[in-house]
Amino acid sequence: MTVANKNIVDAYSGLFEGLDVVTKSKIVKNLSDSIKRSESNRDGEEFFKAFGAFESEKSTEEIISDIKSSRKFRKKDLNF
């Protein structure tokens, strides 16, 4: 743990002292859930789940054709 992280933990610990047990329990639960999410994302699962997410019944050529035909070009000169 770095010195900065230790100072952050100490500062938050001081804030928690005045809280009731129910609130402290909720904070502990939220921190535990956060740790679980961090551990599952550590392997890049969420990142790699994004690949291959696009599905279509169209062929590659049809998709390319649709993209190219939807392009709109302006013939207006831009004066700088």
PDB file of N, CA and C in Angstrom:
ATOM      1  N   MET A   1       0.856  -1.175   0.000  1.00  0.00           N
ATOM      2  CA  MET A   1       0.000   0.000   0.000  1.00  0.00           C
ATOM      3  C   MET A   1       0.899   1.234   0.000  1.00  0.00           C
ATOM      4  N   THR A   2       0.568   2.153  -0.901  1.00  0.00           N
ATOM      5  CA  THR A   2       1.358   3.376  -0.972  1.00  0.00           C
ATOM      6  C   THR A   2       0.997   4.304   0.186  1.00  0.00           C
ATOM      7  N   VAL A   3       1.825   5.281   0.404  1.00  0.00           N
ATOM      8  CA  VAL A   3       1.581   6.259   1.470  1.00  0.00           C
ATOM      9  C   VAL A   3       0.294   7.021   1.194  1.00  0.00           C
ATOM     10  N   ALA A   4       0.065   7.365  -0.072  1.00  0.00           N
ATOM     11  CA  ALA A   4      -1.154   8.096  -0.437  1.00  0.00           C
ATOM     12  C   ALA A   4      -2.389   7.250  -0.141  1.00  0.00           C
ATOM     13  N   ASN A   5      -2.340   5.976  -0.497  1.00  0.00           N
ATOM     14  CA  ASN A   5      -3.480   5.094  -0.224  1.00  0.00           C
ATOM     15  C   ASN A   5      -3.714   4.936   1.275  1.00  0.00           C
ATOM     16  N   LYS A   6      -2.618   4.843   2.054  1.00  0.00           N
ATOM     17  CA  LYS A   6      -2.760   4.726   3.508  1.00  0.00           C
ATOM     18  C   LYS A   6      -3.425   5.969   4.086  1.00  0.00           C
ATOM     19  N   ASN A   7      -3.041   7.142   3.584  1.00  0.00           N
ATOM     20  CA  ASN A   7      -3.654   8.382   4.058  1.00  0.00           C
ATOM     21  C   ASN A   7      -5.137   8.447   3.703  1.00  0.00           C
ATOM     22  N   ILE A   8      -5.497   7.963   2.532  1.00  0.00           N
ATOM     23  CA  ILE A   8      -6.908   7.944   2.125  1.00  0.00           C
ATOM     24  C   ILE A   8      -7.703   7.017   3.035  1.00  0.00           C
ATOM     25  N   VAL A   9      -7.148   5.821   3.300  1.00  0.00           N
ATOM     26  CA  VAL A   9      -7.832   4.865   4.180  1.00  0.00           C
ATOM     27  C   VAL A   9      -8.002   5.459   5.575  1.00  0.00           C
ATOM     28  N   ASP A  10      -6.967   6.080   6.088  1.00  0.00           N
ATOM     29  CA  ASP A  10      -7.046   6.691   7.425  1.00  0.00           C
ATOM     30  C   ASP A  10      -8.095   7.799   7.467  1.00  0.00           C
ATOM     31  N   ALA A  11      -8.148   8.617   6.429  1.00  0.00           N
ATOM     32  CA  ALA A  11      -9.115   9.721   6.392  1.00  0.00           C
ATOM     33  C   ALA A  11     -10.546   9.177   6.364  1.00  0.00           C
ATOM     34  N   TYR A  12     -10.804   8.175   5.537  1.00  0.00           N
ATOM     35  CA  TYR A  12     -12.149   7.603   5.463  1.00  0.00           C
ATOM     36  C   TYR A  12     -12.504   6.861   6.738  1.00  0.00           C
ATOM     37  N   SER A  13     -11.544   6.209   7.353  1.00  0.00           N
ATOM     38  CA  SER A  13     -11.806   5.488   8.600  1.00  0.00           C
ATOM     39  C   SER A  13     -12.293   6.450   9.677  1.00  0.00           C
ATOM     40  N   GLY A  14     -11.725   7.606   9.702  1.00  0.00           N
ATOM     41  CA  GLY A  14     -12.156   8.613  10.672  1.00  0.00           C
ATOM     42  C   GLY A  14     -13.589   9.050  10.422  1.00  0.00           C
ATOM     43  N   LEU A  15     -13.988   9.134   9.166  1.00  0.00           N
ATOM     44  CA  LEU A  15     -15.364   9.517   8.842  1.00  0.00           C
ATOM     45  C   LEU A  15     -16.364   8.443   9.254  1.00  0.00           C
ATOM     46  N   PHE A  16     -15.950   7.174   9.177  1.00  0.00           N
ATOM     47  CA  PHE A  16     -16.859   6.072   9.474  1.00  0.00           C
ATOM     48  C   PHE A  16     -17.152   5.905  10.959  1.00  0.00           C
ATOM     49  N   GLU A  17     -16.303   6.466  11.807  1.00  0.00           N
ATOM     50  CA  GLU A  17     -16.464   6.262  13.257  1.00  0.00           C
ATOM     51  C   GLU A  17     -17.801   6.774  13.774  1.00  0.00           C
ATOM     52  N   GLY A  18     -18.327   7.822  13.198  1.00  0.00           N
ATOM     53  CA  GLY A  18     -19.577   8.396  13.691  1.00  0.00           C
ATOM     54  C   GLY A  18     -20.822   7.769  13.087  1.00  0.00           C
ATOM     55  N   LEU A  19     -20.680   6.803  12.231  1.00  0.00           N
ATOM     56  CA  LEU A  19     -21.835   6.194  11.563  1.00  0.00           C
ATOM     57  C   LEU A  19     -22.419   5.055  12.387  1.00  0.00           C
ATOM     58  N   ASP A  20     -23.715   4.782  12.163  1.00  0.00           N
ATOM     59  CA  ASP A  20     -24.354   3.675  12.862  1.00  0.00           C
ATOM     60  C   ASP A  20     -23.973   2.344  12.201  1.00  0.00           C
ATOM     61  N   VAL A  21     -24.307   1.247  12.863  1.00  0.00           N
ATOM     62  CA  VAL A  21     -23.907  -0.086  12.418  1.00  0.00           C
ATOM     63  C   VAL A  21     -24.519  -0.434  11.059  1.00  0.00           C
ATOM     64  N   VAL A  22     -25.759  -0.055  10.822  1.00  0.00           N
ATOM     65  CA  VAL A  22     -26.428  -0.379   9.559  1.00  0.00           C
ATOM     66  C   VAL A  22     -25.715   0.303   8.396  1.00  0.00           C
ATOM     67  N   THR A  23     -25.376   1.555   8.562  1.00  0.00           N
ATOM     68  CA  THR A  23     -24.688   2.298   7.511  1.00  0.00           C
ATOM     69  C   THR A  23     -23.306   1.710   7.254  1.00  0.00           C
ATOM     70  N   LYS A  24     -22.584   1.382   8.317  1.00  0.00           N
ATOM     71  CA  LYS A  24     -21.259   0.762   8.166  1.00  0.00           C
ATOM     72  C   LYS A  24     -21.377  -0.571   7.429  1.00  0.00           C
ATOM     73  N   SER A  25     -22.404  -1.363   7.751  1.00  0.00           N
ATOM     74  CA  SER A  25     -22.608  -2.645   7.076  1.00  0.00           C
ATOM     75  C   SER A  25     -22.865  -2.443   5.589  1.00  0.00           C
ATOM     76  N   LYS A  26     -23.635  -1.419   5.254  1.00  0.00           N
ATOM     77  CA  LYS A  26     -23.919  -1.123   3.849  1.00  0.00           C
ATOM     78  C   LYS A  26     -22.635  -0.729   3.121  1.00  0.00           C
ATOM     79  N   ILE A  27     -21.793   0.051   3.773  1.00  0.00           N
ATOM     80  CA  ILE A  27     -20.514   0.456   3.179  1.00  0.00           C
ATOM     81  C   ILE A  27     -19.630  -0.773   2.949  1.00  0.00           C
ATOM     82  N   VAL A  28     -19.572  -1.673   3.916  1.00  0.00           N
ATOM     83  CA  VAL A  28     -18.772  -2.889   3.782  1.00  0.00           C
ATOM     84  C   VAL A  28     -19.287  -3.740   2.622  1.00  0.00           C
ATOM     85  N   LYS A  29     -20.606  -3.862   2.503  1.00  0.00           N
ATOM     86  CA  LYS A  29     -21.197  -4.641   1.405  1.00  0.00           C
ATOM     87  C   LYS A  29     -20.835  -4.018   0.059  1.00  0.00           C
ATOM     88  N   ASN A  30     -20.960  -2.686  -0.047  1.00  0.00           N
ATOM     89  CA  ASN A  30     -20.630  -2.009  -1.302  1.00  0.00           C
ATOM     90  C   ASN A  30     -19.154  -2.177  -1.655  1.00  0.00           C
ATOM     91  N   LEU A  31     -18.282  -2.095  -0.662  1.00  0.00           N
ATOM     92  CA  LEU A  31     -16.854  -2.296  -0.911  1.00  0.00           C
ATOM     93  C   LEU A  31     -16.569  -3.728  -1.349  1.00  0.00           C
ATOM     94  N   SER A  32     -17.226  -4.696  -0.713  1.00  0.00           N
ATOM     95  CA  SER A  32     -17.045  -6.100  -1.095  1.00  0.00           C
ATOM     96  C   SER A  32     -17.500  -6.335  -2.530  1.00  0.00           C
ATOM     97  N   ASP A  33     -18.641  -5.772  -2.896  1.00  0.00           N
ATOM     98  CA  ASP A  33     -19.136  -5.904  -4.272  1.00  0.00           C
ATOM     99  C   ASP A  33     -18.168  -5.269  -5.261  1.00  0.00           C
ATOM    100  N   SER A  34     -17.605  -4.143  -4.886  1.00  0.00           N
ATOM    101  CA  SER A  34     -16.646  -3.456  -5.746  1.00  0.00           C
ATOM    102  C   SER A  34     -15.395  -4.310  -5.958  1.00  0.00           C
ATOM    103  N   ILE A  35     -14.937  -4.954  -4.904  1.00  0.00           N
ATOM    104  CA  ILE A  35     -13.759  -5.826  -5.007  1.00  0.00           C
ATOM    105  C   ILE A  35     -14.059  -7.003  -5.920  1.00  0.00           C
ATOM    106  N   LYS A  36     -15.237  -7.602  -5.780  1.00  0.00           N
ATOM    107  CA  LYS A  36     -15.616  -8.737  -6.628  1.00  0.00           C
ATOM    108  C   LYS A  36     -15.659  -8.325  -8.097  1.00  0.00           C
ATOM    109  N   ARG A  37     -16.227  -7.141  -8.380  1.00  0.00           N
ATOM    110  CA  ARG A  37     -16.284  -6.656  -9.766  1.00  0.00           C
ATOM    111  C   ARG A  37     -14.876  -6.401 -10.294  1.00  0.00           C
ATOM    112  N   SER A  38     -14.017  -5.839  -9.465  1.00  0.00           N
ATOM    113  CA  SER A  38     -12.644  -5.561  -9.891  1.00  0.00           C
ATOM    114  C   SER A  38     -11.897  -6.844 -10.211  1.00  0.00           C
ATOM    115  N   GLU A  39     -12.099  -7.868  -9.389  1.00  0.00           N
ATOM    116  CA  GLU A  39     -11.421  -9.135  -9.624  1.00  0.00           C
ATOM    117  C   GLU A  39     -11.910  -9.798 -10.903  1.00  0.00           C
ATOM    118  N   SER A  40     -13.209  -9.704 -11.168  1.00  0.00           N
ATOM    119  CA  SER A  40     -13.726 -10.334 -12.388  1.00  0.00           C
ATOM    120  C   SER A  40     -13.290  -9.563 -13.629  1.00  0.00           C
ATOM    121  N   ASN A  41     -13.101  -8.267 -13.509  1.00  0.00           N
ATOM    122  CA  ASN A  41     -12.671  -7.457 -14.652  1.00  0.00           C
ATOM    123  C   ASN A  41     -11.161  -7.503 -14.853  1.00  0.00           C
ATOM    124  N   ARG A  42     -10.449  -7.999 -13.879  1.00  0.00           N
ATOM    125  CA  ARG A  42      -8.994  -8.032 -13.949  1.00  0.00           C
ATOM    126  C   ARG A  42      -8.514  -8.850 -15.139  1.00  0.00           C
ATOM    127  N   ASP A  43      -9.215  -9.904 -15.454  1.00  0.00           N
ATOM    128  CA  ASP A  43      -8.825 -10.755 -16.572  1.00  0.00           C
ATOM    129  C   ASP A  43      -9.261 -10.179 -17.904  1.00  0.00           C
ATOM    130  N   GLY A  44      -9.940  -9.070 -17.897  1.00  0.00           N
ATOM    131  CA  GLY A  44     -10.384  -8.444 -19.129  1.00  0.00           C
ATOM    132  C   GLY A  44     -11.633  -9.083 -19.702  1.00  0.00           C
ATOM    133  N   GLU A  45     -12.385  -9.791 -18.867  1.00  0.00           N
ATOM    134  CA  GLU A  45     -13.587 -10.464 -19.344  1.00  0.00           C
ATOM    135  C   GLU A  45     -14.547  -9.488 -20.020  1.00  0.00           C
ATOM    136  N   GLU A  46     -14.829  -8.396 -19.359  1.00  0.00           N
ATOM    137  CA  GLU A  46     -15.781  -7.433 -19.918  1.00  0.00           C
ATOM    138  C   GLU A  46     -15.247  -6.844 -21.220  1.00  0.00           C
ATOM    139  N   PHE A  47     -13.967  -6.614 -21.273  1.00  0.00           N
ATOM    140  CA  PHE A  47     -13.361  -6.059 -22.481  1.00  0.00           C
ATOM    141  C   PHE A  47     -13.527  -7.015 -23.655  1.00  0.00           C
ATOM    142  N   PHE A  48     -13.209  -8.280 -23.430  1.00  0.00           N
ATOM    143  CA  PHE A  48     -13.264  -9.249 -24.514  1.00  0.00           C
ATOM    144  C   PHE A  48     -14.691  -9.651 -24.870  1.00  0.00           C
ATOM    145  N   LYS A  49     -15.648  -9.450 -23.947  1.00  0.00           N
ATOM    146  CA  LYS A  49     -17.044  -9.733 -24.268  1.00  0.00           C
ATOM    147  C   LYS A  49     -17.565  -8.776 -25.333  1.00  0.00           C
ATOM    148  N   ALA A  50     -16.956  -7.627 -25.463  1.00  0.00           N
ATOM    149  CA  ALA A  50     -17.408  -6.627 -26.436  1.00  0.00           C
ATOM    150  C   ALA A  50     -17.091  -7.050 -27.870  1.00  0.00           C
ATOM    151  N   PHE A  51     -16.116  -7.894 -28.063  1.00  0.00           N
ATOM    152  CA  PHE A  51     -15.752  -8.318 -29.407  1.00  0.00           C
ATOM    153  C   PHE A  51     -16.792  -9.288 -29.954  1.00  0.00           C
ATOM    154  N   GLY A  52     -17.120  -9.108 -31.223  1.00  0.00           N
ATOM    155  CA  GLY A  52     -18.077  -9.988 -31.869  1.00  0.00           C
ATOM    156  C   GLY A  52     -19.516  -9.697 -31.493  1.00  0.00           C
ATOM    157  N   ALA A  53     -19.754  -8.570 -30.846  1.00  0.00           N
ATOM    158  CA  ALA A  53     -21.098  -8.248 -30.384  1.00  0.00           C
ATOM    159  C   ALA A  53     -22.023  -7.844 -31.522  1.00  0.00           C
ATOM    160  N   PHE A  54     -21.478  -7.378 -32.637  1.00  0.00           N
ATOM    161  CA  PHE A  54     -22.300  -6.957 -33.764  1.00  0.00           C
ATOM    162  C   PHE A  54     -22.727  -8.187 -34.561  1.00  0.00           C
ATOM    163  N   GLU A  55     -24.026  -8.351 -34.704  1.00  0.00           N
ATOM    164  CA  GLU A  55     -24.545  -9.460 -35.489  1.00  0.00           C
ATOM    165  C   GLU A  55     -25.497  -8.913 -36.528  1.00  0.00           C
ATOM    166  N   SER A  56     -25.446  -9.485 -37.705  1.00  0.00           N
ATOM    167  CA  SER A  56     -26.318  -9.055 -38.787  1.00  0.00           C
ATOM    168  C   SER A  56     -26.558 -10.225 -39.727  1.00  0.00           C
ATOM    169  N   GLU A  57     -27.718 -10.197 -40.343  1.00  0.00           N
ATOM    170  CA  GLU A  57     -28.054 -11.213 -41.346  1.00  0.00           C
ATOM    171  C   GLU A  57     -27.440 -10.860 -42.700  1.00  0.00           C
ATOM    172  N   LYS A  58     -27.005  -9.611 -42.843  1.00  0.00           N
ATOM    173  CA  LYS A  58     -26.444  -9.150 -44.117  1.00  0.00           C
ATOM    174  C   LYS A  58     -25.024  -9.687 -44.299  1.00  0.00           C
ATOM    175  N   SER A  59     -24.648  -9.810 -45.548  1.00  0.00           N
ATOM    176  CA  SER A  59     -23.276 -10.220 -45.843  1.00  0.00           C
ATOM    177  C   SER A  59     -22.345  -9.019 -45.662  1.00  0.00           C
ATOM    178  N   THR A  60     -21.071  -9.297 -45.634  1.00  0.00           N
ATOM    179  CA  THR A  60     -20.083  -8.229 -45.485  1.00  0.00           C
ATOM    180  C   THR A  60     -20.198  -7.219 -46.613  1.00  0.00           C
ATOM    181  N   GLU A  61     -20.375  -7.721 -47.822  1.00  0.00           N
ATOM    182  CA  GLU A  61     -20.475  -6.826 -48.985  1.00  0.00           C
ATOM    183  C   GLU A  61     -21.697  -5.926 -48.879  1.00  0.00           C
ATOM    184  N   GLU A  62     -22.820  -6.458 -48.378  1.00  0.00           N
ATOM    185  CA  GLU A  62     -24.030  -5.645 -48.225  1.00  0.00           C
ATOM    186  C   GLU A  62     -23.830  -4.556 -47.177  1.00  0.00           C
ATOM    187  N   ILE A  63     -23.179  -4.898 -46.110  1.00  0.00           N
ATOM    188  CA  ILE A  63     -22.921  -3.902 -45.048  1.00  0.00           C
ATOM    189  C   ILE A  63     -22.023  -2.796 -45.581  1.00  0.00           C
ATOM    190  N   ILE A  64     -20.969  -3.168 -46.289  1.00  0.00           N
ATOM    191  CA  ILE A  64     -20.058  -2.175 -46.861  1.00  0.00           C
ATOM    192  C   ILE A  64     -20.800  -1.280 -47.840  1.00  0.00           C
ATOM    193  N   SER A  65     -21.636  -1.884 -48.665  1.00  0.00           N
ATOM    194  CA  SER A  65     -22.422  -1.120 -49.643  1.00  0.00           C
ATOM    195  C   SER A  65     -23.362  -0.142 -48.941  1.00  0.00           C
ATOM    196  N   ASP A  66     -24.012  -0.591 -47.866  1.00  0.00           N
ATOM    197  CA  ASP A  66     -24.906   0.288 -47.106  1.00  0.00           C
ATOM    198  C   ASP A  66     -24.150   1.471 -46.515  1.00  0.00           C
ATOM    199  N   ILE A  67     -22.988   1.205 -45.971  1.00  0.00           N
ATOM    200  CA  ILE A  67     -22.191   2.282 -45.366  1.00  0.00           C
ATOM    201  C   ILE A  67     -21.773   3.291 -46.427  1.00  0.00           C
ATOM    202  N   LYS A  68     -21.282   2.798 -47.550  1.00  0.00           N
ATOM    203  CA  LYS A  68     -20.829   3.700 -48.616  1.00  0.00           C
ATOM    204  C   LYS A  68     -21.982   4.495 -49.209  1.00  0.00           C
ATOM    205  N   SER A  69     -23.147   3.878 -49.352  1.00  0.00           N
ATOM    206  CA  SER A  69     -24.282   4.591 -49.948  1.00  0.00           C
ATOM    207  C   SER A  69     -24.878   5.616 -48.986  1.00  0.00           C
ATOM    208  N   SER A  70     -24.643   5.473 -47.700  1.00  0.00           N
ATOM    209  CA  SER A  70     -25.204   6.421 -46.736  1.00  0.00           C
ATOM    210  C   SER A  70     -24.311   7.643 -46.525  1.00  0.00           C
ATOM    211  N   ARG A  71     -23.148   7.654 -47.117  1.00  0.00           N
ATOM    212  CA  ARG A  71     -22.242   8.799 -46.985  1.00  0.00           C
ATOM    213  C   ARG A  71     -22.816  10.007 -47.701  1.00  0.00           C
ATOM    214  N   LYS A  72     -22.656  11.150 -47.074  1.00  0.00           N
ATOM    215  CA  LYS A  72     -23.118  12.400 -47.661  1.00  0.00           C
ATOM    216  C   LYS A  72     -21.955  13.380 -47.676  1.00  0.00           C
ATOM    217  N   PHE A  73     -21.704  13.928 -48.843  1.00  0.00           N
ATOM    218  CA  PHE A  73     -20.597  14.850 -48.995  1.00  0.00           C
ATOM    219  C   PHE A  73     -21.143  16.243 -49.253  1.00  0.00           C
ATOM    220  N   ARG A  74     -20.497  17.206 -48.644  1.00  0.00           N
ATOM    221  CA  ARG A  74     -20.872  18.609 -48.854  1.00  0.00           C
ATOM    222  C   ARG A  74     -20.001  19.187 -49.948  1.00  0.00           C
ATOM    223  N   LYS A  75     -20.610  19.912 -50.847  1.00  0.00           N
ATOM    224  CA  LYS A  75     -19.848  20.542 -51.925  1.00  0.00           C
ATOM    225  C   LYS A  75     -19.554  22.000 -51.607  1.00  0.00           C
ATOM    226  N   LYS A  76     -19.826  22.389 -50.392  1.00  0.00           N
ATOM    227  CA  LYS A  76     -19.653  23.771 -49.969  1.00  0.00           C
ATOM    228  C   LYS A  76     -18.182  24.003 -49.600  1.00  0.00           C
ATOM    229  N   ASP A  77     -17.626  25.113 -50.104  1.00  0.00           N
ATOM    230  CA  ASP A  77     -16.265  25.483 -49.753  1.00  0.00           C
ATOM    231  C   ASP A  77     -16.247  26.088 -48.354  1.00  0.00           C
ATOM    232  N   LEU A  78     -15.259  25.730 -47.615  1.00  0.00           N
ATOM    233  CA  LEU A  78     -15.100  26.288 -46.274  1.00  0.00           C
ATOM    234  C   LEU A  78     -14.055  27.402 -46.349  1.00  0.00           C
ATOM    235  N   ASN A  79     -14.445  28.570 -45.908  1.00  0.00           N
ATOM    236  CA  ASN A  79     -13.534  29.714 -45.928  1.00  0.00           C
ATOM    237  C   ASN A  79     -12.934  29.900 -44.546  1.00  0.00           C
ATOM    238  N   PHE A  80     -11.624  29.840 -44.499  1.00  0.00           N
ATOM    239  CA  PHE A  80     -10.921  30.025 -43.226  1.00  0.00           C
ATOM    240  C   PHE A  80     -10.239  31.348 -43.197  1.00  0.00           C
TER     241      PHE A  80
END
